[in-house]
Amino acid sequence: MGKKKQKILVVCSDSEFRDFIAGELSEEFSLHMAVDENEGLSLVETEKPDLILIDREIPRCEGEDFCQTLKKKRSTASIPVIMIASPEEDGKIVLPIYACADDYLAKPVFVPELQAKIRSHLHSKKLFRRFKKMDLIDIIEVYETVTTFHTSHEILLTITRKIAKETGAVKCSVVKVDDNTGEACVVASNEDDKVENLKIDIDKYPEIKKAFELKHQVYIKDLKKDPLTADFREGIKGLPFSSVAIVPIALKDKMIGTLFLRVAAKKGKLSERDLAMCSVTAKAAYRVLENAKLVESLRFANIKLEKLATTDGLTGIYNHRYFYQRLEEEFNISTRYNLSLACIMLDIDFFKRINDTYGHRKGDQILKEMAAIISRTIRKTDVEARYGGEEFVILLPHTNEKGAMFQAERIRSAVGKGRYSVLPNGETVTISLGVATCKQDAVRKAEDLVKFADKALYEAKGRGRNQSVMWGDF
């Protein structure tokens, strides 16, 4: 037997819109249709819907009048109402609608948004029903606060602060246990918002171990008397609390961590309301954390993709593609504001001989180590990239001919003095460098800067290598 569908009453005179709603929602919900206020009130009494969708333009009355009728009656006041407005009304009627309805949408209705609003209101209603004898405002406030944050740490930190405040707990933290290693760490704490991965010895916390083993809540009313803490009585003495509750952040048997509450001795124990609120918050947090983990993984994947797209796989510095992107940007700035801009092209001398002598693997290692040396030598504002093979290129913003030649010689000296792990002691690497600046008359466009620096590089090689040459000096 399938799960019983929740009932939604749709009050709308537009048959096309009713058919549209039926086509989109009937698979998930049990739908009941009314064309006017009278039929709507009749179906409310007989079907007792869980949520009502009202078209603001129903015959013989406005949607908010019908809504106010529902909200005034005790038997129907708690039913969530979502008002549907016409496109021209969107943005003009928020206040009158919210005076009676719980939410609203404007036509044309975006189905995923409608589904999300319906599920959200039905879920909130379910929470209110379950805890109507408790302080519901506190419970729902915790739930809603948790759902407004985006990163896992923000969510967990919010949970610890809210739960500590509502229950009067001295300390509230979230503990995560690694399924593979069994290691435990505190990932959030109401005492310190900087705590994210504080390792703890789980053997000293038998209540946490038990909660993970049993996959359900563990509550110790008195730490000094409970058999579970018998081996830890000495360590318990002097603590400012006497009760501990461990509430799993879980859905069925799938756990993310535990909500670890430590309650002050002056209170003595957690009430049933406190424990229930912790349980509801933990379950709500599970879904939110799963979504946050997905968002974080996508964000991390995007960062990785961006890095792959802009960096050279061997050396870790920028690649040819990114260099030309920055070259265009810097050249445009230089031209617009009449600023200096220089380019250095460099090449490892006799690199083929190195590869033939030591092999390509060791040649690659030299490229990596040399790239690191150059990175340490240039300024933060300079852009270093691997141009291809053993060729490198460096863009130097706000740098004139004199400054560019000075920097080229610094790089040449640093590379020559460098120690390379794959070369025999005493053997060095030399480079030839070509330099060009945008202030030279022949440079008309961004590509010219690279072209002339490359020609200067070949001039340096022709002069015997291991030197820097400025374009225009030959």
Protein backbone atom coordinates (compact mmCIF):
# COMPACT_ATOMS: atom_id res chain seq x y z
CA MET A 1 0.00 0.00 0.00
CA GLY A 2 1.44 3.34 -1.08
CA LYS A 3 2.01 6.33 1.14
CA LYS A 4 -1.13 8.44 1.63
CA LYS A 5 -0.96 11.63 -0.42
CA GLN A 6 -1.43 14.99 1.26
CA LYS A 7 -4.51 16.91 0.14
CA ILE A 8 -4.39 20.22 -1.70
CA LEU A 9 -7.49 22.28 -2.47
CA VAL A 10 -7.26 24.47 -5.58
CA VAL A 11 -9.81 27.32 -5.75
CA CYS A 12 -9.73 28.79 -9.25
CA SER A 13 -12.32 29.64 -11.93
CA ASP A 14 -9.83 29.32 -14.80
CA SER A 15 -10.22 25.77 -16.16
CA GLU A 16 -6.92 25.93 -18.09
CA PHE A 17 -5.01 26.88 -14.95
CA ARG A 18 -6.75 24.10 -12.97
CA ASP A 19 -5.75 21.59 -15.65
CA PHE A 20 -2.18 22.93 -15.57
CA ILE A 21 -1.97 22.51 -11.77
CA ALA A 22 -3.49 19.02 -12.01
CA GLY A 23 -0.93 17.97 -14.59
CA GLU A 24 1.99 19.19 -12.48
CA LEU A 25 0.93 18.22 -8.95
CA SER A 26 -1.45 15.24 -9.14
CA GLU A 27 1.32 12.65 -9.05
CA GLU A 28 2.60 13.89 -5.68
CA PHE A 29 -0.57 15.25 -4.05
CA SER A 30 -4.29 14.47 -3.86
CA LEU A 31 -5.95 17.43 -5.59
CA HIS A 32 -9.49 18.79 -5.10
CA MET A 33 -10.82 21.54 -7.38
CA ALA A 34 -13.29 24.35 -6.63
CA VAL A 35 -14.39 27.11 -9.00
CA ASP A 36 -15.62 29.68 -6.44
CA GLU A 37 -15.74 30.59 -2.74
CA ASN A 38 -18.87 28.56 -1.91
CA GLU A 39 -17.57 25.37 -3.48
CA GLY A 40 -14.21 26.00 -1.84
CA LEU A 41 -15.72 26.34 1.65
CA SER A 42 -17.74 23.18 1.10
CA LEU A 43 -14.66 21.17 0.10
CA VAL A 44 -12.70 22.56 3.04
CA GLU A 45 -15.32 21.08 5.38
CA THR A 46 -15.60 17.69 3.66
CA GLU A 47 -12.03 17.03 2.48
CA LYS A 48 -10.05 18.83 5.21
CA PRO A 49 -7.13 19.79 2.92
CA ASP A 50 -3.55 20.10 4.16
CA LEU A 51 -2.93 23.21 2.01
CA ILE A 52 -5.05 25.55 -0.15
CA LEU A 53 -4.09 27.28 -3.41
CA ILE A 54 -6.33 30.29 -4.13
CA ASP A 55 -6.51 32.27 -7.36
CA ARG A 56 -6.88 35.93 -6.35
CA GLU A 57 -9.44 36.45 -9.13
CA ILE A 58 -12.17 33.99 -8.12
CA PRO A 59 -15.81 34.90 -8.99
CA ARG A 60 -17.94 37.08 -6.66
CA CYS A 61 -15.08 37.82 -4.23
CA GLU A 62 -11.38 38.55 -4.10
CA GLY A 63 -9.00 35.79 -3.10
CA GLU A 64 -7.93 37.55 0.10
CA ASP A 65 -11.57 37.84 1.24
CA PHE A 66 -11.94 34.08 0.94
CA CYS A 67 -8.59 33.65 2.67
CA GLN A 68 -9.65 35.89 5.58
CA THR A 69 -12.82 33.83 5.98
CA LEU A 70 -10.66 30.71 6.38
CA LYS A 71 -8.25 32.36 8.82
CA LYS A 72 -11.07 33.60 11.07
CA LYS A 73 -12.46 30.10 11.60
CA ARG A 74 -10.68 28.10 14.27
CA SER A 75 -11.04 24.83 12.32
CA THR A 76 -9.33 26.21 9.21
CA ALA A 77 -7.03 28.94 10.56
CA SER A 78 -3.95 26.69 10.60
CA ILE A 79 -4.29 25.49 6.98
CA PRO A 80 -1.47 27.03 4.90
CA VAL A 81 -2.75 29.24 2.07
CA ILE A 82 -0.77 30.16 -1.06
CA MET A 83 -2.31 32.93 -3.18
CA ILE A 84 -1.86 33.00 -6.97
CA ALA A 85 -1.74 36.54 -8.44
CA SER A 86 -1.92 37.78 -12.02
CA PRO A 87 1.34 38.98 -13.67
CA GLU A 88 0.37 42.67 -13.55
CA GLU A 89 -0.27 42.43 -9.80
CA ASP A 90 3.13 40.94 -8.97
CA GLY A 91 5.06 43.26 -6.66
CA LYS A 92 2.03 45.50 -5.96
CA ILE A 93 -0.03 43.28 -3.68
CA VAL A 94 2.45 41.66 -1.36
CA LEU A 95 1.18 43.45 1.76
CA PRO A 96 -2.57 42.81 1.24
CA ILE A 97 -1.88 39.16 0.40
CA TYR A 98 0.43 38.55 3.35
CA ALA A 99 -2.20 40.09 5.62
CA CYS A 100 -4.17 36.87 5.16
CA ALA A 101 -2.24 34.30 3.08
CA ASP A 102 0.92 32.47 4.11
CA ASP A 103 2.62 32.90 0.75
CA TYR A 104 2.00 33.96 -2.85
CA LEU A 105 3.15 33.36 -6.43
CA ALA A 106 2.54 35.35 -9.61
CA LYS A 107 1.49 33.87 -12.92
CA PRO A 108 2.97 32.39 -15.01
CA VAL A 109 3.75 29.95 -12.21
CA PHE A 110 7.25 28.47 -12.14
CA VAL A 111 6.48 24.86 -11.17
CA PRO A 112 9.68 24.07 -9.17
CA GLU A 113 9.10 27.22 -7.09
CA LEU A 114 5.47 26.26 -6.47
CA GLN A 115 6.47 22.72 -5.47
CA ALA A 116 9.16 24.05 -3.13
CA LYS A 117 6.73 26.45 -1.43
CA ILE A 118 4.09 23.72 -1.03
CA ARG A 119 6.57 21.25 0.47
CA SER A 120 8.00 23.90 2.78
CA HIS A 121 4.59 24.91 4.16
CA LEU A 122 3.45 21.30 4.54
CA HIS A 123 6.66 20.44 6.38
CA SER A 124 6.28 23.42 8.73
CA LYS A 125 2.68 22.39 9.39
CA LYS A 126 3.84 18.87 10.23
CA LEU A 127 6.28 20.27 12.78
CA PHE A 128 3.59 22.45 14.35
CA ARG A 129 1.26 19.46 14.67
CA ARG A 130 3.89 17.31 16.29
CA PHE A 131 4.86 19.90 18.87
CA LYS A 132 1.65 21.85 19.43
CA LYS A 133 1.93 21.25 23.18
CA MET A 134 5.45 22.66 23.22
CA ASP A 135 6.92 26.06 22.50
CA LEU A 136 6.56 25.84 18.73
CA ILE A 137 7.95 29.30 18.01
CA ASP A 138 11.35 28.28 19.35
CA ILE A 139 11.37 25.02 17.39
CA ILE A 140 10.38 26.54 14.07
CA GLU A 141 12.76 29.46 14.59
CA VAL A 142 15.66 27.03 14.94
CA TYR A 143 14.54 25.15 11.83
CA GLU A 144 14.13 28.29 9.74
CA THR A 145 17.42 29.75 10.92
CA VAL A 146 19.28 26.59 9.96
CA THR A 147 17.83 26.63 6.44
CA THR A 148 19.00 30.18 5.72
CA PHE A 149 22.72 29.36 5.82
CA HIS A 150 24.71 27.84 2.97
CA THR A 151 27.93 26.26 4.22
CA SER A 152 28.09 23.21 6.46
CA HIS A 153 30.02 25.05 9.16
CA GLU A 154 27.57 27.97 9.23
CA ILE A 155 24.67 25.53 9.61
CA LEU A 156 26.33 23.54 12.39
CA LEU A 157 27.47 26.65 14.24
CA THR A 158 23.93 28.05 14.11
CA ILE A 159 22.55 24.78 15.48
CA THR A 160 24.92 24.79 18.45
CA ARG A 161 24.13 28.41 19.35
CA LYS A 162 20.36 28.05 19.00
CA ILE A 163 20.13 24.76 20.87
CA ALA A 164 22.36 26.04 23.68
CA LYS A 165 20.20 29.15 24.01
CA GLU A 166 16.84 27.33 23.93
CA THR A 167 17.80 24.48 26.27
CA GLY A 168 20.06 26.40 28.63
CA ALA A 169 22.98 24.09 27.85
CA VAL A 170 26.39 25.19 29.11
CA LYS A 171 28.02 23.69 26.04
CA CYS A 172 26.71 22.47 22.72
CA SER A 173 28.89 21.07 19.99
CA VAL A 174 28.68 18.90 16.89
CA VAL A 175 30.98 15.89 16.85
CA LYS A 176 31.84 13.95 13.71
CA VAL A 177 33.29 10.44 13.69
CA ASP A 178 35.16 9.09 10.68
CA ASP A 179 33.56 5.83 9.54
CA ASN A 180 36.89 4.42 8.35
CA THR A 181 39.34 5.45 11.08
CA GLY A 182 36.98 5.86 14.04
CA GLU A 183 38.61 9.21 14.83
CA ALA A 184 36.37 11.92 16.27
CA CYS A 185 36.54 15.69 16.03
CA VAL A 186 34.45 18.68 17.08
CA VAL A 187 33.33 20.46 13.91
CA ALA A 188 31.31 23.26 15.54
CA SER A 189 30.86 24.65 19.04
CA ASN A 190 28.75 27.38 20.60
CA GLU A 191 31.76 28.38 22.72
CA ASP A 192 34.12 29.19 19.85
CA ASP A 193 33.04 29.88 16.25
CA LYS A 194 36.59 29.15 15.03
CA VAL A 195 36.43 25.49 16.06
CA GLU A 196 36.06 23.34 12.94
CA ASN A 197 38.21 20.21 13.28
CA LEU A 198 39.24 19.83 16.91
CA LYS A 199 40.30 16.20 17.44
CA ILE A 200 39.08 14.43 20.57
CA ASP A 201 39.74 11.00 22.06
CA ILE A 202 36.45 9.19 21.50
CA ASP A 203 37.36 6.55 24.09
CA LYS A 204 36.89 9.25 26.73
CA TYR A 205 33.34 9.88 25.51
CA PRO A 206 31.48 6.54 25.87
CA GLU A 207 28.13 8.25 25.29
CA ILE A 208 29.24 9.32 21.78
CA LYS A 209 30.49 5.82 20.96
CA LYS A 210 27.19 4.36 22.11
CA ALA A 211 25.15 6.82 20.02
CA PHE A 212 27.14 5.91 16.92
CA GLU A 213 26.85 2.19 17.59
CA LEU A 214 23.10 2.26 18.29
CA LYS A 215 22.33 5.05 15.80
CA HIS A 216 19.86 6.72 18.12
CA GLN A 217 19.72 9.27 20.91
CA VAL A 218 21.63 8.67 24.14
CA TYR A 219 20.66 10.62 27.24
CA ILE A 220 22.51 10.48 30.56
CA LYS A 221 20.61 12.24 33.35
CA ASP A 222 23.44 12.07 35.86
CA LEU A 223 27.04 11.58 34.74
CA LYS A 224 28.12 10.66 38.28
CA LYS A 225 25.66 7.76 38.59
CA ASP A 226 25.20 6.33 35.09
CA PRO A 227 26.94 2.94 34.52
CA LEU A 228 28.17 4.13 31.12
CA THR A 229 30.50 6.65 32.77
CA ALA A 230 31.69 4.38 35.59
CA ASP A 231 35.28 4.31 34.30
CA PHE A 232 35.45 8.09 34.00
CA ARG A 233 34.23 9.29 37.40
CA GLU A 234 37.52 10.98 38.29
CA GLY A 235 37.52 13.02 35.09
CA ILE A 236 33.90 14.07 35.64
CA LYS A 237 34.54 15.67 39.03
CA GLY A 238 34.36 19.45 38.98
CA LEU A 239 32.64 19.72 35.61
CA PRO A 240 29.99 22.50 35.41
CA PHE A 241 27.33 20.08 34.14
CA SER A 242 25.76 16.81 35.18
CA SER A 243 23.72 15.64 32.19
CA VAL A 244 24.64 14.78 28.60
CA ALA A 245 22.44 14.20 25.56
CA ILE A 246 23.77 12.83 22.27
CA VAL A 247 21.38 13.42 19.39
CA PRO A 248 22.34 11.92 16.00
CA ILE A 249 22.10 14.09 12.90
CA ALA A 250 20.67 11.24 10.86
CA LEU A 251 18.00 9.98 8.53
CA LYS A 252 17.12 6.37 9.33
CA ASP A 253 20.53 4.65 9.61
CA LYS A 254 22.51 7.18 7.61
CA MET A 255 24.43 9.48 9.96
CA ILE A 256 26.44 12.64 9.38
CA GLY A 257 27.50 13.32 12.98
CA THR A 258 26.04 13.83 16.42
CA LEU A 259 24.54 16.84 18.07
CA PHE A 260 26.39 16.67 21.39
CA LEU A 261 24.67 18.60 24.18
CA ARG A 262 26.30 19.08 27.58
CA VAL A 263 23.91 20.51 30.15
CA ALA A 264 24.77 22.60 33.24
CA ALA A 265 24.52 20.99 36.69
CA LYS A 266 22.24 23.80 37.96
CA LYS A 267 19.59 22.65 35.50
CA GLY A 268 20.17 18.99 36.22
CA LYS A 269 18.48 17.47 33.22
CA LEU A 270 16.97 18.17 29.83
CA SER A 271 13.19 18.30 29.56
CA GLU A 272 11.23 16.18 27.09
CA ARG A 273 10.62 19.36 25.11
CA ASP A 274 14.37 20.05 24.96
CA LEU A 275 15.15 16.55 23.72
CA ALA A 276 12.33 16.64 21.18
CA MET A 277 13.48 20.01 19.85
CA CYS A 278 17.04 18.70 19.52
CA SER A 279 15.77 15.67 17.62
CA VAL A 280 13.66 17.75 15.21
CA THR A 281 16.50 20.20 14.61
CA ALA A 282 18.95 17.36 13.97
CA LYS A 283 16.63 15.79 11.38
CA ALA A 284 16.04 19.13 9.68
CA ALA A 285 19.78 19.79 9.71
CA TYR A 286 20.46 16.47 7.96
CA ARG A 287 18.63 17.56 4.81
CA VAL A 288 20.14 21.04 4.87
CA LEU A 289 23.64 19.63 5.40
CA GLU A 290 23.22 17.22 2.50
CA ASN A 291 22.28 20.17 0.26
CA ALA A 292 25.17 22.25 1.63
CA LYS A 293 27.59 19.39 0.97
CA LEU A 294 26.35 19.21 -2.62
CA VAL A 295 26.76 22.96 -3.09
CA GLU A 296 30.23 22.86 -1.52
CA SER A 297 31.29 19.93 -3.71
CA LEU A 298 30.05 21.76 -6.82
CA ARG A 299 31.86 24.91 -5.74
CA PHE A 300 35.04 22.90 -5.15
CA ALA A 301 34.63 21.18 -8.53
CA ASN A 302 34.24 24.57 -10.22
CA ILE A 303 37.39 25.84 -8.52
CA LYS A 304 39.26 22.73 -9.68
CA LEU A 305 37.95 23.13 -13.23
CA GLU A 306 38.93 26.79 -13.26
CA LYS A 307 42.40 25.88 -12.03
CA LEU A 308 42.73 23.17 -14.68
CA ALA A 309 41.69 25.67 -17.35
CA THR A 310 44.24 28.31 -16.32
CA THR A 311 47.29 26.40 -15.05
CA ASP A 312 49.98 24.29 -16.64
CA GLY A 313 49.67 20.67 -15.53
CA LEU A 314 53.41 20.09 -15.15
CA THR A 315 54.73 23.24 -13.48
CA GLY A 316 51.60 24.53 -11.71
CA ILE A 317 52.08 28.06 -13.07
CA TYR A 318 49.70 29.75 -15.51
CA ASN A 319 49.31 28.31 -18.99
CA HIS A 320 49.55 29.79 -22.48
CA ARG A 321 45.76 30.39 -22.68
CA TYR A 322 45.54 32.33 -19.40
CA PHE A 323 48.64 34.37 -20.26
CA TYR A 324 47.05 35.71 -23.44
CA GLN A 325 43.88 36.56 -21.52
CA ARG A 326 45.90 38.63 -19.04
CA LEU A 327 48.02 40.10 -21.83
CA GLU A 328 44.92 41.56 -23.50
CA GLU A 329 43.68 42.98 -20.19
CA GLU A 330 47.02 44.55 -19.20
CA PHE A 331 47.71 45.88 -22.71
CA ASN A 332 44.32 47.62 -22.80
CA ILE A 333 44.98 49.19 -19.38
CA SER A 334 48.46 50.25 -20.48
CA THR A 335 47.13 51.86 -23.67
CA ARG A 336 44.18 53.59 -21.99
CA TYR A 337 46.18 55.12 -19.12
CA ASN A 338 49.58 55.45 -20.84
CA LEU A 339 51.24 53.02 -18.42
CA SER A 340 54.39 50.96 -18.93
CA LEU A 341 54.10 47.24 -19.66
CA ALA A 342 56.91 44.78 -20.35
CA CYS A 343 57.22 41.17 -21.47
CA ILE A 344 60.06 38.69 -20.94
CA MET A 345 60.41 35.52 -23.01
CA LEU A 346 62.95 33.00 -21.76
CA ASP A 347 64.21 29.63 -22.86
CA ILE A 348 66.43 27.00 -21.18
CA ASP A 349 69.78 26.77 -22.93
CA PHE A 350 70.61 23.38 -24.46
CA PHE A 351 67.51 21.77 -22.98
CA LYS A 352 67.51 19.04 -25.64
CA ARG A 353 70.96 18.00 -24.44
CA ILE A 354 69.61 17.78 -20.86
CA ASN A 355 66.73 15.55 -22.00
CA ASP A 356 69.06 13.36 -24.08
CA THR A 357 71.52 13.01 -21.20
CA TYR A 358 69.21 12.55 -18.21
CA GLY A 359 65.88 11.60 -19.79
CA HIS A 360 62.60 13.44 -20.21
CA ARG A 361 61.40 12.71 -16.67
CA LYS A 362 64.35 14.53 -15.17
CA GLY A 363 63.91 17.24 -17.78
CA ASP A 364 60.33 17.72 -16.57
CA GLN A 365 61.56 17.93 -12.98
CA ILE A 366 63.98 20.70 -13.97
CA LEU A 367 61.10 22.61 -15.60
CA LYS A 368 59.06 22.33 -12.39
CA GLU A 369 61.93 23.45 -10.15
CA MET A 370 62.88 26.31 -12.45
CA ALA A 371 59.26 27.53 -12.57
CA ALA A 372 59.29 27.60 -8.76
CA ILE A 373 62.54 29.62 -8.73
CA ILE A 374 61.08 32.18 -11.15
CA SER A 375 57.88 32.41 -9.06
CA ARG A 376 59.94 33.28 -5.99
CA THR A 377 61.95 35.87 -7.91
CA ILE A 378 59.25 37.91 -9.67
CA ARG A 379 56.85 40.38 -8.05
CA LYS A 380 53.31 39.50 -6.98
CA THR A 381 51.92 41.72 -9.73
CA ASP A 382 53.88 39.91 -12.46
CA VAL A 383 52.29 37.06 -14.44
CA GLU A 384 54.43 33.97 -15.08
CA ALA A 385 53.30 31.32 -17.56
CA ARG A 386 54.67 28.32 -19.38
CA TYR A 387 54.58 29.26 -23.05
CA GLY A 388 55.36 25.79 -24.36
CA GLY A 389 58.12 23.19 -24.03
CA GLU A 390 61.05 24.82 -22.23
CA GLU A 391 59.86 28.36 -23.00
CA PHE A 392 58.42 30.63 -20.31
CA VAL A 393 56.87 34.09 -20.55
CA ILE A 394 56.48 36.79 -17.90
CA LEU A 395 54.23 39.84 -18.07
CA LEU A 396 55.39 42.84 -16.01
CA PRO A 397 52.75 45.58 -15.48
CA HIS A 398 53.94 49.15 -14.73
CA THR A 399 57.49 48.28 -15.81
CA ASN A 400 59.67 50.31 -18.21
CA GLU A 401 62.73 49.16 -20.23
CA LYS A 402 65.20 49.70 -17.41
CA GLY A 403 63.03 47.90 -14.86
CA ALA A 404 62.33 45.02 -17.25
CA MET A 405 66.02 44.45 -17.98
CA PHE A 406 66.80 44.59 -14.26
CA GLN A 407 64.11 41.96 -13.58
CA ALA A 408 65.33 39.78 -16.48
CA GLU A 409 68.84 39.75 -15.04
CA ARG A 410 67.51 38.91 -11.56
CA ILE A 411 65.67 35.92 -13.02
CA ARG A 412 68.72 34.80 -15.02
CA SER A 413 70.91 35.00 -11.93
CA ALA A 414 68.41 33.14 -9.72
CA VAL A 415 67.99 30.31 -12.26
CA GLY A 416 71.77 30.03 -12.73
CA LYS A 417 72.37 29.80 -8.97
CA GLY A 418 69.52 27.35 -8.46
CA ARG A 419 70.09 23.80 -7.29
CA TYR A 420 68.20 21.12 -9.20
CA SER A 421 67.51 17.80 -7.50
CA VAL A 422 68.04 15.67 -10.62
CA LEU A 423 71.37 17.19 -11.70
CA PRO A 424 74.81 16.15 -10.40
CA ASN A 425 76.38 18.48 -7.83
CA GLY A 426 77.87 21.55 -9.42
CA GLU A 427 75.92 21.30 -12.69
CA THR A 428 73.78 24.36 -13.40
CA VAL A 429 71.06 25.49 -15.77
CA THR A 430 71.31 28.68 -17.82
CA ILE A 431 68.64 30.60 -19.68
CA SER A 432 68.42 33.17 -22.47
CA LEU A 433 65.92 36.02 -22.20
CA GLY A 434 64.31 38.45 -24.62
CA VAL A 435 62.64 41.65 -23.37
CA ALA A 436 60.15 44.04 -25.00
CA THR A 437 57.98 46.91 -23.71
CA CYS A 438 54.80 48.49 -25.04
CA LYS A 439 56.48 51.91 -25.10
CA GLN A 440 58.53 50.85 -28.12
CA ASP A 441 57.15 52.35 -31.35
CA ALA A 442 56.78 49.03 -33.20
CA VAL A 443 54.35 47.65 -30.58
CA ARG A 444 50.85 48.35 -31.92
CA LYS A 445 48.84 45.51 -30.40
CA ALA A 446 49.12 43.06 -27.52
CA GLU A 447 50.55 40.23 -29.65
CA ASP A 448 53.41 42.50 -30.77
CA LEU A 449 54.77 42.55 -27.23
CA VAL A 450 55.22 38.76 -27.25
CA LYS A 451 56.45 38.70 -30.86
CA PHE A 452 59.23 41.23 -30.21
CA ALA A 453 60.22 39.65 -26.89
CA ASP A 454 60.52 36.34 -28.77
CA LYS A 455 62.74 37.95 -31.43
CA ALA A 456 64.92 39.43 -28.69
CA LEU A 457 65.16 35.94 -27.14
CA TYR A 458 66.50 34.49 -30.39
CA GLU A 459 68.98 37.37 -30.59
CA ALA A 460 70.20 36.42 -27.09
CA LYS A 461 70.68 32.82 -28.25
CA GLY A 462 72.51 34.02 -31.34
CA ARG A 463 74.90 36.04 -29.19
CA GLY A 464 75.97 32.96 -27.26
CA ARG A 465 73.08 32.31 -24.82
CA ASN A 466 72.94 32.90 -21.03
CA GLN A 467 72.11 36.60 -21.39
CA SER A 468 69.24 39.10 -21.62
CA VAL A 469 68.59 41.20 -24.74
CA MET A 470 66.18 44.13 -25.16
CA TRP A 471 64.21 44.40 -28.41
CA GLY A 472 65.51 47.39 -30.35
CA ASP A 473 69.10 47.07 -29.12
CA PHE A 474 70.15 45.11 -32.21
